[in-house]
Amino acid sequence: FIANICQRMVEKKLIDEDFHVFCLRCMTASIILYDNLDSKGAFHKRSPIFIKHCLVTLTKKNDTQQVECLLNALRFTTTHLQDAETPGNIRQLLQ
């Protein structure tokens, strides 16, 4: 999935620093899109998106204004974040 690919590219530093924010935006958008399209969402345990890795990579980024905007997008535009199937550690990362 696109979110996993973008996460690995940023984590492994396979791209220039200029494209980090672009990849983080693509990762966030693909998580939101998958969460809205899949009946179980992107945050359940069996999701094909490695959501914990994506969130950790996102929070490690130094550009706090950009990161906060992306985290807010995940907090407020996803439909399954507050579901009972969402693990508590994922909810904590988005608090």
N, C-alpha and C. Protein backbone atom coordinates (compact mmCIF):
# COMPACT_ATOMS: atom_id res chain seq x y z
N PHE A 1 0.82 -1.19 0.00
CA PHE A 1 0.00 0.00 0.00
C PHE A 1 0.87 1.25 0.00
N ILE A 2 0.33 2.32 -0.49
CA ILE A 2 1.08 3.55 -0.67
C ILE A 2 1.59 4.10 0.66
N ALA A 3 0.78 4.00 1.71
CA ALA A 3 1.21 4.51 3.01
C ALA A 3 2.46 3.80 3.49
N ASN A 4 2.51 2.48 3.32
CA ASN A 4 3.68 1.71 3.76
C ASN A 4 4.92 2.07 2.93
N ILE A 5 4.73 2.26 1.64
CA ILE A 5 5.86 2.61 0.77
C ILE A 5 6.42 3.98 1.15
N CYS A 6 5.54 4.94 1.34
CA CYS A 6 5.99 6.29 1.72
C CYS A 6 6.68 6.28 3.07
N GLN A 7 6.16 5.51 4.01
CA GLN A 7 6.76 5.43 5.34
C GLN A 7 8.17 4.87 5.25
N ARG A 8 8.37 3.82 4.46
CA ARG A 8 9.69 3.22 4.32
C ARG A 8 10.67 4.16 3.63
N MET A 9 10.18 4.91 2.65
CA MET A 9 11.06 5.84 1.95
C MET A 9 11.56 6.93 2.88
N VAL A 10 10.70 7.42 3.76
CA VAL A 10 11.11 8.46 4.70
C VAL A 10 12.00 7.87 5.78
N GLU A 11 11.62 6.71 6.31
CA GLU A 11 12.36 6.08 7.40
C GLU A 11 13.77 5.69 6.96
N LYS A 12 13.90 5.12 5.78
CA LYS A 12 15.21 4.65 5.29
C LYS A 12 16.00 5.74 4.58
N LYS A 13 15.43 6.94 4.52
CA LYS A 13 16.08 8.09 3.87
C LYS A 13 16.47 7.80 2.43
N LEU A 14 15.54 7.21 1.70
CA LEU A 14 15.76 6.89 0.30
C LEU A 14 15.47 8.06 -0.62
N ILE A 15 14.98 9.16 -0.04
CA ILE A 15 14.62 10.33 -0.83
C ILE A 15 15.32 11.56 -0.24
N ASP A 16 15.36 12.61 -1.04
CA ASP A 16 15.94 13.86 -0.57
C ASP A 16 15.09 14.46 0.53
N GLU A 17 15.68 15.30 1.32
CA GLU A 17 14.97 15.97 2.42
C GLU A 17 13.80 16.80 1.90
N ASP A 18 13.92 17.30 0.68
CA ASP A 18 12.85 18.12 0.09
C ASP A 18 11.57 17.32 -0.11
N PHE A 19 11.69 16.03 -0.33
CA PHE A 19 10.52 15.21 -0.62
C PHE A 19 9.94 14.51 0.60
N HIS A 20 10.56 14.70 1.77
CA HIS A 20 10.05 14.07 2.99
C HIS A 20 8.63 14.51 3.29
N VAL A 21 8.38 15.81 3.25
CA VAL A 21 7.04 16.32 3.57
C VAL A 21 6.04 15.83 2.53
N PHE A 22 6.44 15.79 1.28
CA PHE A 22 5.55 15.28 0.23
C PHE A 22 5.17 13.83 0.50
N CYS A 23 6.14 13.00 0.86
CA CYS A 23 5.85 11.59 1.15
C CYS A 23 4.99 11.45 2.40
N LEU A 24 5.23 12.29 3.40
CA LEU A 24 4.40 12.24 4.60
C LEU A 24 2.95 12.65 4.28
N ARG A 25 2.79 13.60 3.40
CA ARG A 25 1.44 13.99 2.98
C ARG A 25 0.75 12.86 2.22
N CYS A 26 1.48 12.23 1.32
CA CYS A 26 0.92 11.10 0.57
C CYS A 26 0.55 9.96 1.51
N MET A 27 1.41 9.69 2.48
CA MET A 27 1.14 8.64 3.46
C MET A 27 -0.14 8.95 4.24
N THR A 28 -0.26 10.18 4.71
CA THR A 28 -1.44 10.59 5.47
C THR A 28 -2.70 10.50 4.61
N ALA A 29 -2.62 10.98 3.40
CA ALA A 29 -3.79 10.95 2.51
C ALA A 29 -4.21 9.52 2.21
N SER A 30 -3.26 8.63 2.00
CA SER A 30 -3.63 7.25 1.70
C SER A 30 -4.22 6.54 2.92
N ILE A 31 -3.77 6.89 4.13
CA ILE A 31 -4.38 6.33 5.34
C ILE A 31 -5.82 6.80 5.47
N ILE A 32 -6.04 8.09 5.25
CA ILE A 32 -7.40 8.65 5.34
C ILE A 32 -8.30 8.01 4.29
N LEU A 33 -7.81 7.89 3.08
CA LEU A 33 -8.60 7.31 2.00
C LEU A 33 -8.95 5.85 2.31
N TYR A 34 -7.97 5.07 2.74
CA TYR A 34 -8.23 3.67 3.06
C TYR A 34 -9.20 3.55 4.22
N ASP A 35 -9.05 4.40 5.21
CA ASP A 35 -9.92 4.35 6.38
C ASP A 35 -11.37 4.63 6.00
N ASN A 36 -11.57 5.53 5.07
CA ASN A 36 -12.93 5.86 4.65
C ASN A 36 -13.53 4.85 3.68
N LEU A 37 -12.70 4.10 2.97
CA LEU A 37 -13.20 3.15 1.99
C LEU A 37 -13.40 1.74 2.54
N ASP A 38 -12.55 1.31 3.45
CA ASP A 38 -12.62 -0.04 3.99
C ASP A 38 -13.65 -0.11 5.11
N SER A 39 -14.38 -1.21 5.18
CA SER A 39 -15.43 -1.33 6.19
C SER A 39 -14.87 -1.41 7.62
N LYS A 40 -13.66 -1.94 7.78
CA LYS A 40 -13.05 -2.01 9.12
C LYS A 40 -12.11 -0.84 9.39
N GLY A 41 -11.74 -0.14 8.38
CA GLY A 41 -10.87 1.03 8.54
C GLY A 41 -9.40 0.69 8.50
N ALA A 42 -8.59 1.69 8.74
CA ALA A 42 -7.14 1.55 8.66
C ALA A 42 -6.49 1.27 10.01
N PHE A 43 -7.25 1.33 11.08
CA PHE A 43 -6.64 1.29 12.41
C PHE A 43 -6.79 -0.05 13.12
N HIS A 44 -7.49 -1.01 12.55
CA HIS A 44 -7.65 -2.29 13.24
C HIS A 44 -6.37 -3.12 13.11
N LYS A 45 -6.27 -4.17 13.91
CA LYS A 45 -5.03 -4.95 13.99
C LYS A 45 -4.65 -5.63 12.68
N ARG A 46 -5.60 -6.04 11.91
CA ARG A 46 -5.32 -6.77 10.68
C ARG A 46 -5.28 -5.86 9.44
N SER A 47 -5.13 -4.60 9.65
CA SER A 47 -5.06 -3.66 8.53
C SER A 47 -3.77 -3.90 7.74
N PRO A 48 -3.83 -3.81 6.42
CA PRO A 48 -2.60 -3.97 5.63
C PRO A 48 -1.65 -2.77 5.76
N ILE A 49 -2.13 -1.69 6.34
CA ILE A 49 -1.28 -0.53 6.57
C ILE A 49 -0.61 -0.69 7.93
N PHE A 50 0.69 -0.53 7.96
CA PHE A 50 1.44 -0.59 9.23
C PHE A 50 1.29 0.75 9.92
N ILE A 51 0.13 0.93 10.53
CA ILE A 51 -0.27 2.24 11.04
C ILE A 51 0.65 2.74 12.14
N LYS A 52 1.11 1.85 13.01
CA LYS A 52 1.99 2.29 14.09
C LYS A 52 3.31 2.83 13.53
N HIS A 53 3.88 2.13 12.57
CA HIS A 53 5.12 2.60 11.95
C HIS A 53 4.91 3.95 11.27
N CYS A 54 3.77 4.10 10.61
CA CYS A 54 3.47 5.36 9.93
C CYS A 54 3.36 6.51 10.93
N LEU A 55 2.66 6.27 12.03
CA LEU A 55 2.49 7.34 13.03
C LEU A 55 3.80 7.68 13.73
N VAL A 56 4.62 6.68 14.01
CA VAL A 56 5.91 6.95 14.65
C VAL A 56 6.81 7.74 13.71
N THR A 57 6.83 7.36 12.44
CA THR A 57 7.62 8.10 11.45
C THR A 57 7.13 9.53 11.34
N LEU A 58 5.84 9.71 11.37
CA LEU A 58 5.26 11.05 11.27
C LEU A 58 5.61 11.90 12.48
N THR A 59 5.56 11.35 13.66
CA THR A 59 5.85 12.14 14.86
C THR A 59 7.34 12.40 15.05
N LYS A 60 8.21 11.63 14.41
CA LYS A 60 9.66 11.85 14.51
C LYS A 60 10.13 13.05 13.69
N LYS A 61 9.33 13.44 12.71
CA LYS A 61 9.73 14.54 11.82
C LYS A 61 9.84 15.85 12.60
N ASN A 62 10.87 16.62 12.33
CA ASN A 62 11.18 17.83 13.09
C ASN A 62 10.28 19.02 12.76
N ASP A 63 9.69 19.04 11.60
CA ASP A 63 8.87 20.18 11.18
C ASP A 63 7.52 20.10 11.89
N THR A 64 7.43 20.70 13.06
CA THR A 64 6.27 20.49 13.93
C THR A 64 4.98 21.05 13.34
N GLN A 65 5.03 22.16 12.63
CA GLN A 65 3.81 22.73 12.07
C GLN A 65 3.22 21.81 11.00
N GLN A 66 4.06 21.31 10.11
CA GLN A 66 3.60 20.39 9.07
C GLN A 66 3.08 19.09 9.69
N VAL A 67 3.81 18.56 10.66
CA VAL A 67 3.43 17.31 11.29
C VAL A 67 2.11 17.47 12.04
N GLU A 68 1.94 18.57 12.73
CA GLU A 68 0.70 18.80 13.48
C GLU A 68 -0.50 18.89 12.54
N CYS A 69 -0.32 19.49 11.39
CA CYS A 69 -1.41 19.55 10.40
C CYS A 69 -1.77 18.15 9.90
N LEU A 70 -0.78 17.33 9.66
CA LEU A 70 -1.04 15.98 9.19
C LEU A 70 -1.68 15.12 10.28
N LEU A 71 -1.21 15.27 11.51
CA LEU A 71 -1.81 14.54 12.62
C LEU A 71 -3.26 14.97 12.85
N ASN A 72 -3.52 16.26 12.71
CA ASN A 72 -4.90 16.75 12.83
C ASN A 72 -5.79 16.19 11.73
N ALA A 73 -5.24 16.07 10.54
CA ALA A 73 -6.00 15.47 9.45
C ALA A 73 -6.38 14.03 9.79
N LEU A 74 -5.45 13.29 10.37
CA LEU A 74 -5.76 11.92 10.77
C LEU A 74 -6.77 11.89 11.92
N ARG A 75 -6.62 12.80 12.85
CA ARG A 75 -7.52 12.82 14.01
C ARG A 75 -8.96 13.12 13.61
N PHE A 76 -9.14 14.07 12.72
CA PHE A 76 -10.47 14.61 12.49
C PHE A 76 -11.14 14.18 11.19
N THR A 77 -10.44 13.50 10.30
CA THR A 77 -11.08 13.09 9.04
C THR A 77 -11.20 11.58 8.89
N THR A 78 -10.68 10.82 9.82
CA THR A 78 -10.83 9.37 9.75
C THR A 78 -12.10 8.96 10.48
N THR A 79 -12.73 7.92 9.98
CA THR A 79 -14.01 7.50 10.54
C THR A 79 -13.90 6.36 11.54
N HIS A 80 -12.80 5.61 11.54
CA HIS A 80 -12.68 4.44 12.39
C HIS A 80 -11.69 4.59 13.54
N LEU A 81 -11.17 5.76 13.77
CA LEU A 81 -10.18 5.95 14.83
C LEU A 81 -10.77 5.65 16.20
N GLN A 82 -12.00 6.00 16.44
CA GLN A 82 -12.63 5.80 17.75
C GLN A 82 -13.34 4.46 17.87
N ASP A 83 -13.18 3.58 16.90
CA ASP A 83 -13.81 2.26 16.98
C ASP A 83 -13.21 1.43 18.10
N ALA A 84 -13.97 0.45 18.56
CA ALA A 84 -13.51 -0.44 19.64
C ALA A 84 -12.34 -1.31 19.18
N GLU A 85 -12.24 -1.59 17.89
CA GLU A 85 -11.17 -2.43 17.36
C GLU A 85 -9.83 -1.70 17.26
N THR A 86 -9.83 -0.40 17.41
CA THR A 86 -8.59 0.37 17.33
C THR A 86 -7.78 0.15 18.60
N PRO A 87 -6.54 -0.32 18.47
CA PRO A 87 -5.71 -0.54 19.67
C PRO A 87 -5.44 0.76 20.42
N GLY A 88 -5.30 0.64 21.72
CA GLY A 88 -5.09 1.82 22.57
C GLY A 88 -3.80 2.56 22.26
N ASN A 89 -2.74 1.82 21.89
CA ASN A 89 -1.46 2.50 21.59
C ASN A 89 -1.56 3.37 20.35
N ILE A 90 -2.42 3.00 19.41
CA ILE A 90 -2.62 3.83 18.21
C ILE A 90 -3.37 5.10 18.61
N ARG A 91 -4.36 4.97 19.45
CA ARG A 91 -5.09 6.15 19.92
C ARG A 91 -4.16 7.10 20.66
N GLN A 92 -3.26 6.53 21.48
CA GLN A 92 -2.32 7.37 22.24
C GLN A 92 -1.39 8.14 21.32
N LEU A 93 -0.96 7.52 20.23
CA LEU A 93 -0.06 8.22 19.31
C LEU A 93 -0.76 9.41 18.65
N LEU A 94 -2.07 9.36 18.55
CA LEU A 94 -2.79 10.45 17.91
C LEU A 94 -3.41 11.42 18.91
N GLN A 95 -3.06 11.33 20.17
CA GLN A 95 -3.59 12.25 21.17
C GLN A 95 -2.75 13.49 21.26
